[in-house]
Amino acid sequence: MKNDATSIRKSSFFAGSVATVLRPSVVVGVLYVVLIAVVAITQHYTVIDFVHIGTVWANHDPSGTWGYDGQFYYQMATDPLHAYLYMDNPAFREQHVFYPVVVGILSLGQKALVPYMLLFVNIVALVVSVEVVARLLVKYGFSPWFSLAIGLYFGQTAGLLFDTAEPFTYGLVCVGIWLVMEKERFGPAALLMGLASLSREIAVIFPIGYACVYFLAKKWRVCAQFILLGILPLLAWLLCLRLIYGQSGVTFTQPFEHVPFAGIFDHADAPKKFPLLLLLMFLPTLAGWVLVIVEFFRNILRQEGPFLQRFSPVYLVLVANLVMITFLNHHSFDELISCGRIATGLVLSVLLYGMSTRNKYVLIGAQFYTLTFLVYVVGTFLHLPSFIA
């Protein structure tokens, strides 16, 4: 009997150890480390190549290479006071200041460490995002593996491989949401969302959604926290940029289209890119609209309390992200890297909606986003132009 009890304890210990190691966040972290290594080997990359520095801005060579957005984060992290000299539009690029600030601090002033920290911070953020969403899923009675959608969505993969701020941004948003849903610590949650908005301004959709719902619910203190800590930091920083550069950078990006999905269908004459835009952007967004319309009419039929108070923050955030993607300018769809990164907030809001409404079918459908990881990796290694900035 003693030996049997010992065997049971040992088997339980090993089972627990496997469960601890084999979790979605660990799988995502390992996958991305392997992906970075494979890209480095097959593409002959050094760590600085993930920054994608172009000579047009770095060397002021008009006939040189353009590079990609990661170069601007790199410049801000290495020399924040003079980074504006190496940017296309300093006011717009410096809207996204918090990610390079964190990278610069972790690099301890060592320029050689900055490219490593750009990758490291985003990998950690991806792991944290998946871990947080997995824990929330378990709280609502679902499998934690549904969280793979936010970790393996191709927009997150592109953000990691191109050293842009989206993985870090939505890592902060995820922790903020966890503080709201798990701990009801609204002040720290609002602050994290505010800092996320200083890494990528479109993340301000999340604190705006929470502020609106708490305003309608007449929860003035909580509403004020999301306004002061979640929204005001971005507005204050935009004002600072305007004072420094004479503009806030808001108008640097192209205006929204006036016709739904016009930005996507503007590329209908691109036979290699258009089918991918339909698959990766149009169809998921259309499915999202079906979701919010069904929910809208369900709330009408509920007849429980004032109509506007029947909608959750997650619902409002989901609608706002859908509107943004639906009317996104056609230039944002010039390559899949850009529109994929922008749509990361939509992926997160779909997952949050599914778990908060306890709708398993939404969570199952959201696993489409997990599969986009394979599409992006295959497209990258096949050197398809749509996947290359």
Protein backbone atom coordinates (compact mmCIF):
# COMPACT_ATOMS: atom_id res chain seq x y z
CA MET A 1 0.00 0.00 0.00
CA LYS A 2 2.84 2.37 0.82
CA ASN A 3 4.43 1.79 -2.54
CA ASP A 4 1.07 2.41 -4.25
CA ALA A 5 0.64 5.69 -2.39
CA THR A 6 4.17 6.73 -3.31
CA SER A 7 3.49 5.89 -6.96
CA ILE A 8 0.29 7.95 -6.91
CA ARG A 9 2.13 10.94 -5.43
CA LYS A 10 4.89 10.65 -8.02
CA SER A 11 2.46 10.36 -10.91
CA SER A 12 0.50 13.35 -9.61
CA PHE A 13 3.70 15.34 -9.28
CA PHE A 14 4.79 14.59 -12.84
CA ALA A 15 1.29 15.24 -14.19
CA GLY A 16 1.25 18.58 -12.41
CA SER A 17 4.69 19.44 -13.75
CA VAL A 18 3.64 18.64 -17.31
CA ALA A 19 0.47 20.72 -16.91
CA THR A 20 2.53 23.62 -15.63
CA VAL A 21 4.97 23.48 -18.53
CA LEU A 22 2.52 22.53 -21.28
CA ARG A 23 0.36 25.64 -21.24
CA PRO A 24 -0.61 28.00 -24.05
CA SER A 25 1.70 30.82 -23.00
CA VAL A 26 4.73 28.52 -22.88
CA VAL A 27 3.87 26.99 -26.26
CA VAL A 28 3.55 30.46 -27.80
CA GLY A 29 6.85 31.60 -26.29
CA VAL A 30 8.70 28.53 -27.56
CA LEU A 31 7.14 28.84 -31.03
CA TYR A 32 8.27 32.44 -31.37
CA VAL A 33 11.80 31.75 -30.18
CA VAL A 34 12.03 28.94 -32.72
CA LEU A 35 10.53 31.15 -35.45
CA ILE A 36 13.05 33.92 -34.79
CA ALA A 37 15.88 31.38 -34.92
CA VAL A 38 14.61 29.86 -38.18
CA VAL A 39 14.18 33.29 -39.79
CA ALA A 40 17.67 34.28 -38.67
CA ILE A 41 19.19 31.11 -40.14
CA THR A 42 17.24 30.91 -43.39
CA GLN A 43 17.19 34.64 -44.15
CA HIS A 44 20.76 35.18 -42.88
CA TYR A 45 19.51 37.75 -40.37
CA THR A 46 21.43 39.25 -37.51
CA VAL A 47 19.44 40.78 -34.67
CA ILE A 48 19.63 44.26 -36.21
CA ASP A 49 17.93 42.98 -39.38
CA PHE A 50 14.66 42.53 -37.48
CA VAL A 51 14.64 46.32 -37.02
CA HIS A 52 14.44 46.74 -40.83
CA ILE A 53 16.41 49.96 -40.96
CA GLY A 54 16.11 51.79 -44.26
CA THR A 55 18.82 54.07 -45.60
CA VAL A 56 16.29 56.69 -46.73
CA TRP A 57 15.79 57.85 -43.15
CA ALA A 58 18.84 56.46 -41.33
CA ASN A 59 21.37 57.80 -43.86
CA HIS A 60 19.22 60.50 -45.50
CA ASP A 61 19.69 58.78 -48.84
CA PRO A 62 16.67 59.59 -51.08
CA SER A 63 17.54 56.79 -53.48
CA GLY A 64 18.07 54.20 -50.73
CA THR A 65 15.85 51.60 -49.04
CA TRP A 66 12.73 52.55 -47.07
CA GLY A 67 12.89 49.99 -44.28
CA TYR A 68 9.92 49.57 -41.96
CA ASP A 69 8.37 51.04 -38.81
CA GLY A 70 10.64 49.14 -36.43
CA GLN A 71 13.46 51.50 -37.36
CA PHE A 72 11.65 54.42 -35.72
CA TYR A 73 11.22 52.54 -32.43
CA TYR A 74 14.91 51.67 -32.63
CA GLN A 75 15.89 55.32 -33.10
CA MET A 76 13.73 56.43 -30.16
CA ALA A 77 15.19 53.72 -27.93
CA THR A 78 18.83 54.45 -28.82
CA ASP A 79 18.79 58.26 -28.92
CA PRO A 80 15.41 59.69 -27.87
CA LEU A 81 16.53 63.33 -28.05
CA HIS A 82 17.74 63.14 -31.64
CA ALA A 83 15.54 60.38 -33.02
CA TYR A 84 13.40 62.92 -34.86
CA LEU A 85 16.27 63.45 -37.30
CA TYR A 86 15.78 59.93 -38.63
CA MET A 87 11.98 59.83 -39.06
CA ASP A 88 9.51 60.53 -41.83
CA ASN A 89 7.12 62.31 -39.44
CA PRO A 90 8.47 62.75 -35.89
CA ALA A 91 5.16 63.92 -34.39
CA PHE A 92 3.37 60.78 -35.61
CA ARG A 93 6.16 58.32 -34.80
CA GLU A 94 6.70 59.72 -31.32
CA GLN A 95 3.06 59.14 -30.47
CA HIS A 96 4.25 55.58 -29.86
CA VAL A 97 6.82 56.54 -27.27
CA PHE A 98 6.30 54.16 -24.36
CA TYR A 99 7.49 50.94 -26.03
CA PRO A 100 10.89 52.41 -27.03
CA VAL A 101 11.19 54.07 -23.60
CA VAL A 102 10.85 50.66 -21.92
CA VAL A 103 13.28 49.11 -24.39
CA GLY A 104 15.77 51.93 -23.82
CA ILE A 105 15.60 51.53 -20.04
CA LEU A 106 16.10 47.76 -20.24
CA SER A 107 19.04 48.28 -22.61
CA LEU A 108 20.86 50.23 -19.86
CA GLY A 109 22.07 52.83 -22.32
CA GLN A 110 23.87 50.23 -24.41
CA LYS A 111 22.99 50.74 -28.07
CA ALA A 112 24.10 47.21 -28.95
CA LEU A 113 21.45 45.77 -26.62
CA VAL A 114 18.52 47.69 -28.12
CA PRO A 115 17.77 45.26 -31.01
CA TYR A 116 17.78 42.35 -28.55
CA MET A 117 15.47 44.17 -26.16
CA LEU A 118 13.04 45.09 -28.95
CA LEU A 119 12.54 41.37 -29.57
CA PHE A 120 12.71 40.36 -25.90
CA VAL A 121 10.07 42.84 -24.71
CA ASN A 122 7.64 41.76 -27.41
CA ILE A 123 8.16 38.05 -26.73
CA VAL A 124 7.52 38.59 -23.02
CA ALA A 125 4.44 40.66 -23.86
CA LEU A 126 3.08 37.91 -26.11
CA VAL A 127 3.58 35.29 -23.42
CA VAL A 128 1.91 37.54 -20.83
CA SER A 129 -1.03 38.26 -23.17
CA VAL A 130 -1.69 34.57 -23.73
CA GLU A 131 -1.27 33.72 -20.03
CA VAL A 132 -3.69 36.45 -18.95
CA VAL A 133 -6.35 35.51 -21.50
CA ALA A 134 -5.90 31.81 -20.64
CA ARG A 135 -6.52 32.51 -16.94
CA LEU A 136 -9.63 34.54 -17.74
CA LEU A 137 -10.92 31.74 -19.96
CA VAL A 138 -10.51 29.25 -17.12
CA LYS A 139 -12.37 31.63 -14.80
CA TYR A 140 -15.31 31.64 -17.22
CA GLY A 141 -15.22 27.85 -17.54
CA PHE A 142 -13.47 27.49 -20.90
CA SER A 143 -10.32 25.78 -22.10
CA PRO A 144 -7.24 28.00 -21.73
CA TRP A 145 -6.12 26.88 -25.21
CA PHE A 146 -8.61 29.27 -26.80
CA SER A 147 -6.07 31.96 -25.82
CA LEU A 148 -3.80 30.86 -28.68
CA ALA A 149 -5.80 33.18 -30.93
CA ILE A 150 -4.32 36.34 -29.39
CA GLY A 151 -0.81 34.90 -29.28
CA LEU A 152 -0.60 33.38 -32.76
CA TYR A 153 -2.63 35.93 -34.69
CA PHE A 154 -0.52 36.90 -37.69
CA GLY A 155 -0.64 40.61 -36.79
CA GLN A 156 1.16 39.77 -33.55
CA THR A 157 3.69 37.66 -35.45
CA ALA A 158 4.36 40.53 -37.85
CA GLY A 159 4.76 42.94 -34.93
CA LEU A 160 7.37 40.66 -33.38
CA LEU A 161 9.38 40.02 -36.56
CA PHE A 162 9.34 43.70 -37.51
CA ASP A 163 10.02 45.14 -34.02
CA THR A 164 6.81 47.17 -33.82
CA ALA A 165 4.77 48.02 -30.73
CA GLU A 166 1.60 45.94 -31.09
CA PRO A 167 2.62 42.88 -29.00
CA PHE A 168 3.80 45.13 -26.17
CA THR A 169 0.74 47.38 -26.48
CA TYR A 170 -1.81 44.61 -26.21
CA GLY A 171 0.20 42.89 -23.50
CA LEU A 172 -0.46 45.99 -21.37
CA VAL A 173 -4.13 46.02 -22.40
CA CYS A 174 -4.52 42.35 -21.46
CA VAL A 175 -3.10 42.90 -17.99
CA GLY A 176 -5.37 45.92 -17.59
CA ILE A 177 -8.42 43.88 -18.54
CA TRP A 178 -7.37 41.13 -16.14
CA LEU A 179 -7.20 43.70 -13.34
CA VAL A 180 -10.76 44.79 -14.19
CA MET A 181 -12.32 41.35 -14.65
CA GLU A 182 -10.42 39.45 -11.96
CA LYS A 183 -9.47 42.03 -9.32
CA GLU A 184 -11.77 45.03 -9.96
CA ARG A 185 -8.73 47.28 -9.59
CA PHE A 186 -9.87 50.00 -11.94
CA GLY A 187 -7.18 52.61 -11.34
CA PRO A 188 -4.17 50.41 -12.17
CA ALA A 189 -6.13 48.90 -15.08
CA ALA A 190 -6.87 52.34 -16.53
CA LEU A 191 -3.23 53.36 -16.11
CA LEU A 192 -1.98 50.31 -18.01
CA MET A 193 -4.43 51.00 -20.81
CA GLY A 194 -3.25 54.61 -20.87
CA LEU A 195 0.37 53.48 -21.18
CA ALA A 196 -0.68 51.06 -23.92
CA SER A 197 -2.18 54.00 -25.81
CA LEU A 198 1.19 55.74 -25.57
CA SER A 199 2.69 52.73 -27.37
CA ARG A 200 0.01 52.49 -30.07
CA GLU A 201 -2.67 55.15 -30.10
CA ILE A 202 -5.47 52.87 -31.37
CA ALA A 203 -5.38 51.01 -28.02
CA VAL A 204 -7.23 54.02 -26.54
CA ILE A 205 -10.38 52.31 -27.83
CA PHE A 206 -10.28 50.08 -24.75
CA PRO A 207 -10.32 52.75 -21.99
CA ILE A 208 -12.85 54.77 -24.00
CA GLY A 209 -15.18 51.75 -24.05
CA TYR A 210 -14.87 51.26 -20.30
CA ALA A 211 -15.29 54.97 -19.58
CA CYS A 212 -18.49 55.13 -21.67
CA VAL A 213 -20.11 52.15 -19.93
CA TYR A 214 -19.26 53.36 -16.44
CA PHE A 215 -20.53 56.82 -17.36
CA LEU A 216 -23.89 55.37 -18.44
CA ALA A 217 -23.98 53.30 -15.25
CA LYS A 218 -23.33 56.50 -13.26
CA LYS A 219 -20.25 55.02 -11.66
CA TRP A 220 -18.54 58.37 -11.66
CA ARG A 221 -15.38 57.46 -9.79
CA VAL A 222 -14.52 54.51 -12.01
CA CYS A 223 -15.42 56.50 -15.12
CA ALA A 224 -13.12 59.32 -13.98
CA GLN A 225 -10.26 56.85 -13.47
CA PHE A 226 -10.53 55.60 -17.04
CA ILE A 227 -10.74 59.13 -18.38
CA LEU A 228 -7.87 60.55 -16.32
CA LEU A 229 -5.53 57.54 -16.44
CA GLY A 230 -6.62 55.75 -19.61
CA ILE A 231 -7.50 58.51 -22.07
CA LEU A 232 -5.96 61.76 -20.84
CA PRO A 233 -2.29 60.60 -21.07
CA LEU A 234 -2.59 60.20 -24.84
CA LEU A 235 -4.34 63.55 -25.23
CA ALA A 236 -1.70 65.26 -23.08
CA TRP A 237 1.11 63.66 -25.08
CA LEU A 238 -0.49 64.72 -28.36
CA LEU A 239 -0.61 68.27 -27.02
CA CYS A 240 3.08 68.07 -26.09
CA LEU A 241 3.94 66.85 -29.58
CA ARG A 242 2.00 69.72 -31.08
CA LEU A 243 3.93 72.19 -28.92
CA ILE A 244 7.25 70.60 -29.93
CA TYR A 245 6.66 69.99 -33.65
CA GLY A 246 3.78 72.30 -34.48
CA GLN A 247 1.55 69.27 -35.15
CA SER A 248 0.31 66.25 -33.23
CA GLY A 249 0.89 63.77 -36.06
CA VAL A 250 -2.76 62.67 -36.02
CA THR A 251 -3.34 63.81 -39.60
CA PHE A 252 -0.22 62.02 -40.92
CA THR A 253 -2.17 58.80 -41.42
CA GLN A 254 -4.64 58.65 -44.30
CA PRO A 255 -8.30 59.45 -43.48
CA PHE A 256 -10.89 56.70 -43.23
CA GLU A 257 -12.78 55.54 -46.30
CA HIS A 258 -16.41 56.64 -46.66
CA VAL A 259 -17.67 53.29 -47.98
CA PRO A 260 -17.48 50.10 -45.87
CA PHE A 261 -14.59 47.83 -46.87
CA ALA A 262 -13.61 50.17 -49.71
CA GLY A 263 -10.01 49.96 -48.49
CA ILE A 264 -9.95 46.20 -49.06
CA PHE A 265 -11.80 46.18 -52.39
CA ASP A 266 -9.53 48.92 -53.70
CA HIS A 267 -7.00 46.08 -54.12
CA ALA A 268 -9.35 43.86 -56.12
CA ASP A 269 -7.02 44.14 -59.13
CA ALA A 270 -4.12 42.57 -57.18
CA PRO A 271 -4.61 38.84 -57.91
CA LYS A 272 -2.08 37.61 -55.35
CA LYS A 273 -2.96 39.97 -52.51
CA PHE A 274 -6.73 40.39 -52.81
CA PRO A 275 -7.67 36.76 -51.96
CA LEU A 276 -5.50 37.00 -48.83
CA LEU A 277 -7.17 40.28 -47.84
CA LEU A 278 -10.57 38.63 -48.25
CA LEU A 279 -9.50 35.63 -46.19
CA LEU A 280 -7.56 37.35 -43.42
CA MET A 281 -9.34 40.70 -43.11
CA PHE A 282 -12.72 40.88 -44.85
CA LEU A 283 -14.34 37.59 -43.79
CA PRO A 284 -13.36 37.78 -40.08
CA THR A 285 -14.53 41.40 -39.89
CA LEU A 286 -17.81 40.53 -41.59
CA ALA A 287 -18.33 37.70 -39.10
CA GLY A 288 -17.68 40.19 -36.30
CA TRP A 289 -20.44 42.44 -37.63
CA VAL A 290 -22.88 39.53 -37.64
CA LEU A 291 -21.93 38.93 -34.02
CA VAL A 292 -22.54 42.51 -32.83
CA ILE A 293 -25.80 42.85 -34.78
CA VAL A 294 -27.19 39.67 -33.21
CA GLU A 295 -26.14 40.93 -29.78
CA PHE A 296 -27.75 44.30 -30.46
CA PHE A 297 -31.16 42.76 -31.14
CA ARG A 298 -30.79 40.39 -28.21
CA ASN A 299 -30.33 43.41 -25.95
CA ILE A 300 -33.45 45.02 -27.43
CA LEU A 301 -35.49 41.93 -26.58
CA ARG A 302 -34.08 41.61 -23.07
CA GLN A 303 -35.92 44.72 -21.80
CA GLU A 304 -33.86 44.76 -18.62
CA GLY A 305 -33.04 48.26 -17.44
CA PRO A 306 -32.18 51.31 -19.58
CA PHE A 307 -31.30 50.29 -23.15
CA LEU A 308 -27.81 51.84 -23.29
CA GLN A 309 -26.82 50.22 -20.00
CA ARG A 310 -27.38 46.73 -21.41
CA PHE A 311 -24.12 46.87 -23.35
CA SER A 312 -20.81 45.85 -21.77
CA PRO A 313 -17.46 47.60 -22.25
CA VAL A 314 -16.30 44.59 -24.26
CA TYR A 315 -19.22 45.01 -26.65
CA LEU A 316 -18.45 48.68 -27.25
CA VAL A 317 -14.75 47.93 -27.77
CA LEU A 318 -15.65 45.18 -30.24
CA VAL A 319 -17.91 47.53 -32.22
CA ALA A 320 -15.26 50.29 -32.25
CA ASN A 321 -12.60 47.91 -33.57
CA LEU A 322 -14.96 46.63 -36.24
CA VAL A 323 -15.73 50.18 -37.36
CA MET A 324 -12.02 50.97 -37.56
CA ILE A 325 -11.21 47.96 -39.75
CA THR A 326 -14.32 48.39 -41.90
CA PHE A 327 -13.46 51.97 -42.86
CA LEU A 328 -9.67 51.67 -42.77
CA ASN A 329 -7.91 53.57 -45.55
CA HIS A 330 -6.83 51.57 -48.59
CA HIS A 331 -3.16 52.40 -47.97
CA SER A 332 -3.30 50.39 -44.75
CA PHE A 333 -4.05 47.33 -46.89
CA ASP A 334 -1.07 47.84 -49.20
CA GLU A 335 0.64 45.01 -47.35
CA LEU A 336 -0.80 42.51 -44.90
CA ILE A 337 1.71 43.41 -42.21
CA SER A 338 0.15 46.82 -41.64
CA CYS A 339 -3.54 45.89 -41.58
CA GLY A 340 -2.82 42.74 -39.59
CA ARG A 341 -1.11 44.70 -36.85
CA ILE A 342 -3.94 47.23 -36.71
CA ALA A 343 -6.54 44.46 -36.32
CA THR A 344 -4.93 42.96 -33.20
CA GLY A 345 -7.36 44.84 -30.97
CA LEU A 346 -10.25 43.24 -32.86
CA VAL A 347 -8.91 39.75 -32.15
CA LEU A 348 -8.62 40.51 -28.44
CA SER A 349 -12.09 42.03 -28.25
CA VAL A 350 -13.64 38.97 -29.98
CA LEU A 351 -12.05 36.67 -27.41
CA LEU A 352 -13.19 38.88 -24.53
CA TYR A 353 -16.71 39.02 -25.94
CA GLY A 354 -16.85 35.24 -26.30
CA MET A 355 -15.74 34.55 -22.75
CA SER A 356 -17.77 37.32 -21.09
CA THR A 357 -20.98 36.17 -22.80
CA ARG A 358 -19.98 32.54 -22.23
CA ASN A 359 -20.42 31.84 -25.93
CA LYS A 360 -18.30 28.83 -26.79
CA TYR A 361 -19.10 29.11 -30.50
CA VAL A 362 -17.52 32.56 -30.65
CA LEU A 363 -14.36 31.22 -29.02
CA ILE A 364 -14.26 28.29 -31.43
CA GLY A 365 -14.69 30.63 -34.38
CA ALA A 366 -11.94 32.88 -33.02
CA GLN A 367 -9.48 30.03 -33.52
CA PHE A 368 -9.42 31.07 -37.16
CA TYR A 369 -7.02 33.76 -35.94
CA THR A 370 -4.74 31.04 -34.59
CA LEU A 371 -4.52 29.49 -38.04
CA THR A 372 -3.40 32.79 -39.55
CA PHE A 373 -0.01 32.15 -37.93
CA LEU A 374 0.59 29.29 -40.36
CA VAL A 375 -0.60 31.37 -43.32
CA TYR A 376 1.78 34.19 -42.41
CA VAL A 377 4.78 31.93 -41.76
CA VAL A 378 4.29 30.07 -45.06
CA GLY A 379 3.79 33.35 -46.93
CA THR A 380 6.93 34.80 -45.38
CA PHE A 381 9.15 31.86 -46.28
CA LEU A 382 7.72 31.76 -49.78
CA HIS A 383 8.62 35.45 -50.09
CA LEU A 384 5.12 36.46 -51.12
CA PRO A 385 5.14 40.25 -51.67
CA SER A 386 2.01 40.74 -49.54
CA PHE A 387 3.89 39.51 -46.47
CA ILE A 388 6.99 41.62 -47.03
CA ALA A 389 7.11 45.28 -46.08
